[in-house]
Amino acid sequence: MRKALLVLAAFVAMGVIGVFLLASDGPDEPPVPPVVNSDGTLSSPPEFQADEGNSSITVDMSDIRNSDGNVKITLFDTSEGYPEDTGSVAEYAYSDIVDGKASCKFEGIAAGTYAIIILHDEDQDGDMTFNAVGIPKEGVGVSNNAKMKFGPPKWEDSKFEVPESGATQSIKMTYFL
């Protein structure tokens, strides 16, 4: 029985590991992350300001198990490379955690189809932390609260439409340990 549980844990960890590659500091990430203001809006260096449209996405996160570290919100605007390829990321944001919740707002984006991946980076090392058998120790959240069944979330389950009037995603964090 114990061997079967270890094999199952390793299988689950291998399947979900791809979603956590986003947490690494690869060459495609902006060198200076956007800052979340007290009103939930983003302040970014001018070279990272989106000016593609007049829409916005508000991201409300809940079920964050503690206030350690921060949350990293990754916004994708294409299914190509989702969720592993950091080169296909549209925007990044970071937010502090208060009472198990966090919030941010992406502004100046074009209406269209998007998906979100969130990392609760408890130790603020910029990477997902794993236990000895490869199971993620930090939390993750996905737009539409899409489930991760033996692998990373699917674009079809995570994508959502953003009209010109904007959209809100309420995302609950998931912890594997």
C-alpha atoms as a PDB file:
ATOM      1  CA  MET A   1       0.000   0.000   0.000  1.00  0.00           C
ATOM      2  CA  ARG A   2       2.793   2.442   0.921  1.00  0.00           C
ATOM      3  CA  LYS A   3       4.601   1.759  -2.366  1.00  0.00           C
ATOM      4  CA  ALA A   4       1.367   2.393  -4.302  1.00  0.00           C
ATOM      5  CA  LEU A   5       0.881   5.743  -2.545  1.00  0.00           C
ATOM      6  CA  LEU A   6       4.449   6.817  -3.353  1.00  0.00           C
ATOM      7  CA  VAL A   7       3.995   5.839  -6.993  1.00  0.00           C
ATOM      8  CA  LEU A   8       0.690   7.744  -7.126  1.00  0.00           C
ATOM      9  CA  ALA A   9       2.282  10.803  -5.470  1.00  0.00           C
ATOM     10  CA  ALA A  10       5.173  10.728  -7.934  1.00  0.00           C
ATOM     11  CA  PHE A  11       2.759  10.363 -10.870  1.00  0.00           C
ATOM     12  CA  VAL A  12       0.660  13.297  -9.678  1.00  0.00           C
ATOM     13  CA  ALA A  13       3.770  15.409  -9.163  1.00  0.00           C
ATOM     14  CA  MET A  14       5.091  14.587 -12.633  1.00  0.00           C
ATOM     15  CA  GLY A  15       1.756  15.475 -14.171  1.00  0.00           C
ATOM     16  CA  VAL A  16       1.381  18.840 -12.505  1.00  0.00           C
ATOM     17  CA  ILE A  17       5.005  19.886 -12.622  1.00  0.00           C
ATOM     18  CA  GLY A  18       4.628  21.729 -15.952  1.00  0.00           C
ATOM     19  CA  VAL A  19       2.375  24.425 -14.558  1.00  0.00           C
ATOM     20  CA  PHE A  20       5.027  25.374 -12.026  1.00  0.00           C
ATOM     21  CA  LEU A  21       7.764  26.070 -14.563  1.00  0.00           C
ATOM     22  CA  LEU A  22       6.309  29.568 -14.756  1.00  0.00           C
ATOM     23  CA  ALA A  23       7.746  30.367 -11.370  1.00  0.00           C
ATOM     24  CA  SER A  24      11.341  30.276 -12.577  1.00  0.00           C
ATOM     25  CA  ASP A  25      13.212  33.423 -13.439  1.00  0.00           C
ATOM     26  CA  GLY A  26      13.738  32.749 -17.135  1.00  0.00           C
ATOM     27  CA  PRO A  27      15.100  35.181 -19.698  1.00  0.00           C
ATOM     28  CA  ASP A  28      11.605  36.010 -20.981  1.00  0.00           C
ATOM     29  CA  GLU A  29      10.350  37.395 -17.669  1.00  0.00           C
ATOM     30  CA  PRO A  30      10.402  41.143 -17.198  1.00  0.00           C
ATOM     31  CA  PRO A  31      13.421  42.162 -15.115  1.00  0.00           C
ATOM     32  CA  VAL A  32      11.308  44.423 -12.905  1.00  0.00           C
ATOM     33  CA  PRO A  33       7.930  42.990 -11.862  1.00  0.00           C
ATOM     34  CA  PRO A  34       4.812  45.138 -11.843  1.00  0.00           C
ATOM     35  CA  VAL A  35       3.795  46.414  -8.418  1.00  0.00           C
ATOM     36  CA  VAL A  36       0.261  46.113  -7.090  1.00  0.00           C
ATOM     37  CA  ASN A  37      -0.954  49.404  -5.632  1.00  0.00           C
ATOM     38  CA  SER A  38      -3.138  49.572  -2.530  1.00  0.00           C
ATOM     39  CA  ASP A  39      -6.232  49.949  -4.749  1.00  0.00           C
ATOM     40  CA  GLY A  40      -5.329  46.731  -6.610  1.00  0.00           C
ATOM     41  CA  THR A  41      -4.154  48.412  -9.817  1.00  0.00           C
ATOM     42  CA  LEU A  42      -0.725  47.759 -11.329  1.00  0.00           C
ATOM     43  CA  SER A  43       2.168  50.145 -11.656  1.00  0.00           C
ATOM     44  CA  SER A  44       4.701  48.980 -14.217  1.00  0.00           C
ATOM     45  CA  PRO A  45       7.800  50.460 -15.790  1.00  0.00           C
ATOM     46  CA  PRO A  46       6.780  52.244 -19.037  1.00  0.00           C
ATOM     47  CA  GLU A  47       8.291  49.534 -21.253  1.00  0.00           C
ATOM     48  CA  PHE A  48       5.879  47.004 -19.734  1.00  0.00           C
ATOM     49  CA  GLN A  49       2.712  49.113 -19.845  1.00  0.00           C
ATOM     50  CA  ALA A  50       0.108  47.430 -21.992  1.00  0.00           C
ATOM     51  CA  ASP A  51      -1.508  49.827 -24.433  1.00  0.00           C
ATOM     52  CA  GLU A  52      -3.263  47.322 -26.648  1.00  0.00           C
ATOM     53  CA  GLY A  53      -6.779  48.097 -25.498  1.00  0.00           C
ATOM     54  CA  ASN A  54      -9.095  49.690 -22.999  1.00  0.00           C
ATOM     55  CA  SER A  55     -10.216  46.601 -21.144  1.00  0.00           C
ATOM     56  CA  SER A  56      -9.159  45.198 -17.765  1.00  0.00           C
ATOM     57  CA  ILE A  57      -9.098  41.999 -15.730  1.00  0.00           C
ATOM     58  CA  THR A  58      -9.586  42.040 -11.975  1.00  0.00           C
ATOM     59  CA  VAL A  59      -8.176  38.976 -10.220  1.00  0.00           C
ATOM     60  CA  ASP A  60      -9.478  38.190  -6.731  1.00  0.00           C
ATOM     61  CA  MET A  61      -7.644  35.338  -4.990  1.00  0.00           C
ATOM     62  CA  SER A  62      -8.873  33.462  -1.927  1.00  0.00           C
ATOM     63  CA  ASP A  63      -8.132  30.400   0.204  1.00  0.00           C
ATOM     64  CA  ILE A  64      -4.488  31.438   0.532  1.00  0.00           C
ATOM     65  CA  ARG A  65      -3.300  29.406   3.502  1.00  0.00           C
ATOM     66  CA  ASN A  66      -1.034  32.043   5.042  1.00  0.00           C
ATOM     67  CA  SER A  67       0.425  35.515   4.462  1.00  0.00           C
ATOM     68  CA  ASP A  68       3.962  34.267   3.867  1.00  0.00           C
ATOM     69  CA  GLY A  69       5.593  35.546   0.682  1.00  0.00           C
ATOM     70  CA  ASN A  70       3.397  36.842  -2.112  1.00  0.00           C
ATOM     71  CA  VAL A  71       1.390  35.651  -5.096  1.00  0.00           C
ATOM     72  CA  LYS A  72       2.644  35.758  -8.666  1.00  0.00           C
ATOM     73  CA  ILE A  73      -0.124  36.186 -11.231  1.00  0.00           C
ATOM     74  CA  THR A  74       0.694  35.102 -14.783  1.00  0.00           C
ATOM     75  CA  LEU A  75      -1.631  36.167 -17.611  1.00  0.00           C
ATOM     76  CA  PHE A  76      -1.647  34.277 -20.920  1.00  0.00           C
ATOM     77  CA  ASP A  77      -3.343  35.544 -24.078  1.00  0.00           C
ATOM     78  CA  THR A  78      -2.768  32.456 -26.243  1.00  0.00           C
ATOM     79  CA  SER A  79      -3.082  28.703 -25.929  1.00  0.00           C
ATOM     80  CA  GLU A  80       0.300  28.306 -27.599  1.00  0.00           C
ATOM     81  CA  GLY A  81       2.768  27.400 -24.874  1.00  0.00           C
ATOM     82  CA  TYR A  82       0.178  27.492 -22.073  1.00  0.00           C
ATOM     83  CA  PRO A  83       0.952  26.966 -19.226  1.00  0.00           C
ATOM     84  CA  GLU A  84       4.633  25.947 -19.368  1.00  0.00           C
ATOM     85  CA  ASP A  85       6.224  28.405 -21.812  1.00  0.00           C
ATOM     86  CA  THR A  86       7.140  31.690 -20.114  1.00  0.00           C
ATOM     87  CA  GLY A  87       7.813  33.140 -23.571  1.00  0.00           C
ATOM     88  CA  SER A  88       4.082  33.113 -24.286  1.00  0.00           C
ATOM     89  CA  VAL A  89       3.124  35.124 -21.172  1.00  0.00           C
ATOM     90  CA  ALA A  90       1.233  38.359 -21.830  1.00  0.00           C
ATOM     91  CA  GLU A  91       1.741  39.973 -18.382  1.00  0.00           C
ATOM     92  CA  TYR A  92       3.027  39.248 -14.869  1.00  0.00           C
ATOM     93  CA  ALA A  93       1.949  40.793 -11.591  1.00  0.00           C
ATOM     94  CA  TYR A  94       2.790  40.278  -7.916  1.00  0.00           C
ATOM     95  CA  SER A  95       0.516  40.939  -4.965  1.00  0.00           C
ATOM     96  CA  ASP A  96       0.806  40.858  -1.199  1.00  0.00           C
ATOM     97  CA  ILE A  97      -1.479  38.614   0.830  1.00  0.00           C
ATOM     98  CA  VAL A  98      -3.809  39.994   3.493  1.00  0.00           C
ATOM     99  CA  ASP A  99      -6.017  37.707   5.601  1.00  0.00           C
ATOM    100  CA  GLY A 100      -5.818  34.831   3.127  1.00  0.00           C
ATOM    101  CA  LYS A 101      -6.730  36.991   0.142  1.00  0.00           C
ATOM    102  CA  ALA A 102      -5.005  38.969  -2.598  1.00  0.00           C
ATOM    103  CA  SER A 103      -6.142  41.045  -5.553  1.00  0.00           C
ATOM    104  CA  CYS A 104      -4.740  42.724  -8.635  1.00  0.00           C
ATOM    105  CA  LYS A 105      -5.978  44.384 -11.790  1.00  0.00           C
ATOM    106  CA  PHE A 106      -4.494  44.188 -15.279  1.00  0.00           C
ATOM    107  CA  GLU A 107      -5.405  47.380 -17.136  1.00  0.00           C
ATOM    108  CA  GLY A 108      -4.982  48.529 -20.720  1.00  0.00           C
ATOM    109  CA  ILE A 109      -5.396  45.095 -22.228  1.00  0.00           C
ATOM    110  CA  ALA A 110      -7.273  44.218 -25.391  1.00  0.00           C
ATOM    111  CA  ALA A 111     -10.610  42.445 -25.254  1.00  0.00           C
ATOM    112  CA  GLY A 112     -10.058  38.770 -26.041  1.00  0.00           C
ATOM    113  CA  THR A 113      -9.388  35.336 -24.606  1.00  0.00           C
ATOM    114  CA  TYR A 114      -7.069  34.891 -21.618  1.00  0.00           C
ATOM    115  CA  ALA A 115      -6.036  32.363 -18.938  1.00  0.00           C
ATOM    116  CA  ILE A 116      -4.372  32.896 -15.561  1.00  0.00           C
ATOM    117  CA  ILE A 117      -1.950  30.841 -13.458  1.00  0.00           C
ATOM    118  CA  ILE A 118      -1.140  31.926  -9.894  1.00  0.00           C
ATOM    119  CA  LEU A 119       1.740  30.800  -7.668  1.00  0.00           C
ATOM    120  CA  HIS A 120       1.696  31.372  -3.907  1.00  0.00           C
ATOM    121  CA  ASP A 121       5.443  31.893  -3.532  1.00  0.00           C
ATOM    122  CA  GLU A 122       5.608  31.404   0.232  1.00  0.00           C
ATOM    123  CA  ASP A 123       9.412  31.524   0.450  1.00  0.00           C
ATOM    124  CA  GLN A 124       9.721  34.282  -2.193  1.00  0.00           C
ATOM    125  CA  ASP A 125      12.451  32.452  -4.068  1.00  0.00           C
ATOM    126  CA  GLY A 126      10.705  32.942  -7.415  1.00  0.00           C
ATOM    127  CA  ASP A 127      10.287  29.195  -7.939  1.00  0.00           C
ATOM    128  CA  MET A 128       7.794  26.516  -7.001  1.00  0.00           C
ATOM    129  CA  THR A 129       9.137  24.545  -4.033  1.00  0.00           C
ATOM    130  CA  PHE A 130       8.745  20.745  -4.067  1.00  0.00           C
ATOM    131  CA  ASN A 131       9.075  18.053  -1.422  1.00  0.00           C
ATOM    132  CA  ALA A 132      11.461  15.087  -1.683  1.00  0.00           C
ATOM    133  CA  VAL A 133       9.126  13.106  -3.989  1.00  0.00           C
ATOM    134  CA  GLY A 134       8.339  16.053  -6.246  1.00  0.00           C
ATOM    135  CA  ILE A 135       4.968  17.180  -4.905  1.00  0.00           C
ATOM    136  CA  PRO A 136       4.525  20.989  -4.896  1.00  0.00           C
ATOM    137  CA  LYS A 137       4.736  22.509  -1.417  1.00  0.00           C
ATOM    138  CA  GLU A 138       3.362  25.908  -2.497  1.00  0.00           C
ATOM    139  CA  GLY A 139      -0.118  26.718  -3.746  1.00  0.00           C
ATOM    140  CA  VAL A 140      -1.376  27.297  -7.254  1.00  0.00           C
ATOM    141  CA  GLY A 141      -4.515  28.882  -8.675  1.00  0.00           C
ATOM    142  CA  VAL A 142      -6.019  28.723 -12.153  1.00  0.00           C
ATOM    143  CA  SER A 143      -8.595  30.867 -13.935  1.00  0.00           C
ATOM    144  CA  ASN A 144     -12.111  29.413 -13.864  1.00  0.00           C
ATOM    145  CA  ASN A 145     -10.801  27.365 -10.915  1.00  0.00           C
ATOM    146  CA  ALA A 146      -9.923  24.721 -13.510  1.00  0.00           C
ATOM    147  CA  LYS A 147      -8.921  21.415 -11.950  1.00  0.00           C
ATOM    148  CA  MET A 148      -5.510  19.866 -12.407  1.00  0.00           C
ATOM    149  CA  LYS A 149      -6.188  16.165 -12.836  1.00  0.00           C
ATOM    150  CA  PHE A 150      -2.890  14.316 -13.196  1.00  0.00           C
ATOM    151  CA  GLY A 151      -1.393  17.195 -15.112  1.00  0.00           C
ATOM    152  CA  PRO A 152      -1.366  20.916 -15.694  1.00  0.00           C
ATOM    153  CA  PRO A 153      -4.632  22.727 -16.384  1.00  0.00           C
ATOM    154  CA  LYS A 154      -5.906  22.655 -19.955  1.00  0.00           C
ATOM    155  CA  TRP A 155      -6.334  25.876 -21.944  1.00  0.00           C
ATOM    156  CA  GLU A 156      -9.912  24.880 -22.775  1.00  0.00           C
ATOM    157  CA  ASP A 157     -10.771  24.666 -19.057  1.00  0.00           C
ATOM    158  CA  SER A 158      -8.834  27.780 -18.021  1.00  0.00           C
ATOM    159  CA  LYS A 159      -9.627  30.273 -20.775  1.00  0.00           C
ATOM    160  CA  PHE A 160     -12.161  33.058 -20.329  1.00  0.00           C
ATOM    161  CA  GLU A 161     -13.408  35.935 -22.449  1.00  0.00           C
ATOM    162  CA  VAL A 162     -12.694  39.555 -21.618  1.00  0.00           C
ATOM    163  CA  PRO A 163     -15.093  42.039 -23.231  1.00  0.00           C
ATOM    164  CA  GLU A 164     -14.311  45.749 -23.628  1.00  0.00           C
ATOM    165  CA  SER A 165     -16.153  46.330 -20.347  1.00  0.00           C
ATOM    166  CA  GLY A 166     -13.628  44.109 -18.495  1.00  0.00           C
ATOM    167  CA  ALA A 167     -13.840  40.877 -16.543  1.00  0.00           C
ATOM    168  CA  THR A 168     -13.282  39.546 -13.043  1.00  0.00           C
ATOM    169  CA  GLN A 169     -11.813  36.184 -12.098  1.00  0.00           C
ATOM    170  CA  SER A 170     -12.311  34.850  -8.547  1.00  0.00           C
ATOM    171  CA  ILE A 171      -9.671  32.179  -8.061  1.00  0.00           C
ATOM    172  CA  LYS A 172      -9.258  29.797  -5.110  1.00  0.00           C
ATOM    173  CA  MET A 173      -5.774  28.571  -4.343  1.00  0.00           C
ATOM    174  CA  THR A 174      -5.064  24.822  -4.298  1.00  0.00           C
ATOM    175  CA  TYR A 175      -2.416  23.159  -2.131  1.00  0.00           C
ATOM    176  CA  PHE A 176      -1.185  19.600  -2.698  1.00  0.00           C
ATOM    177  CA  LEU A 177       0.410  19.287   0.745  1.00  0.00           C
END
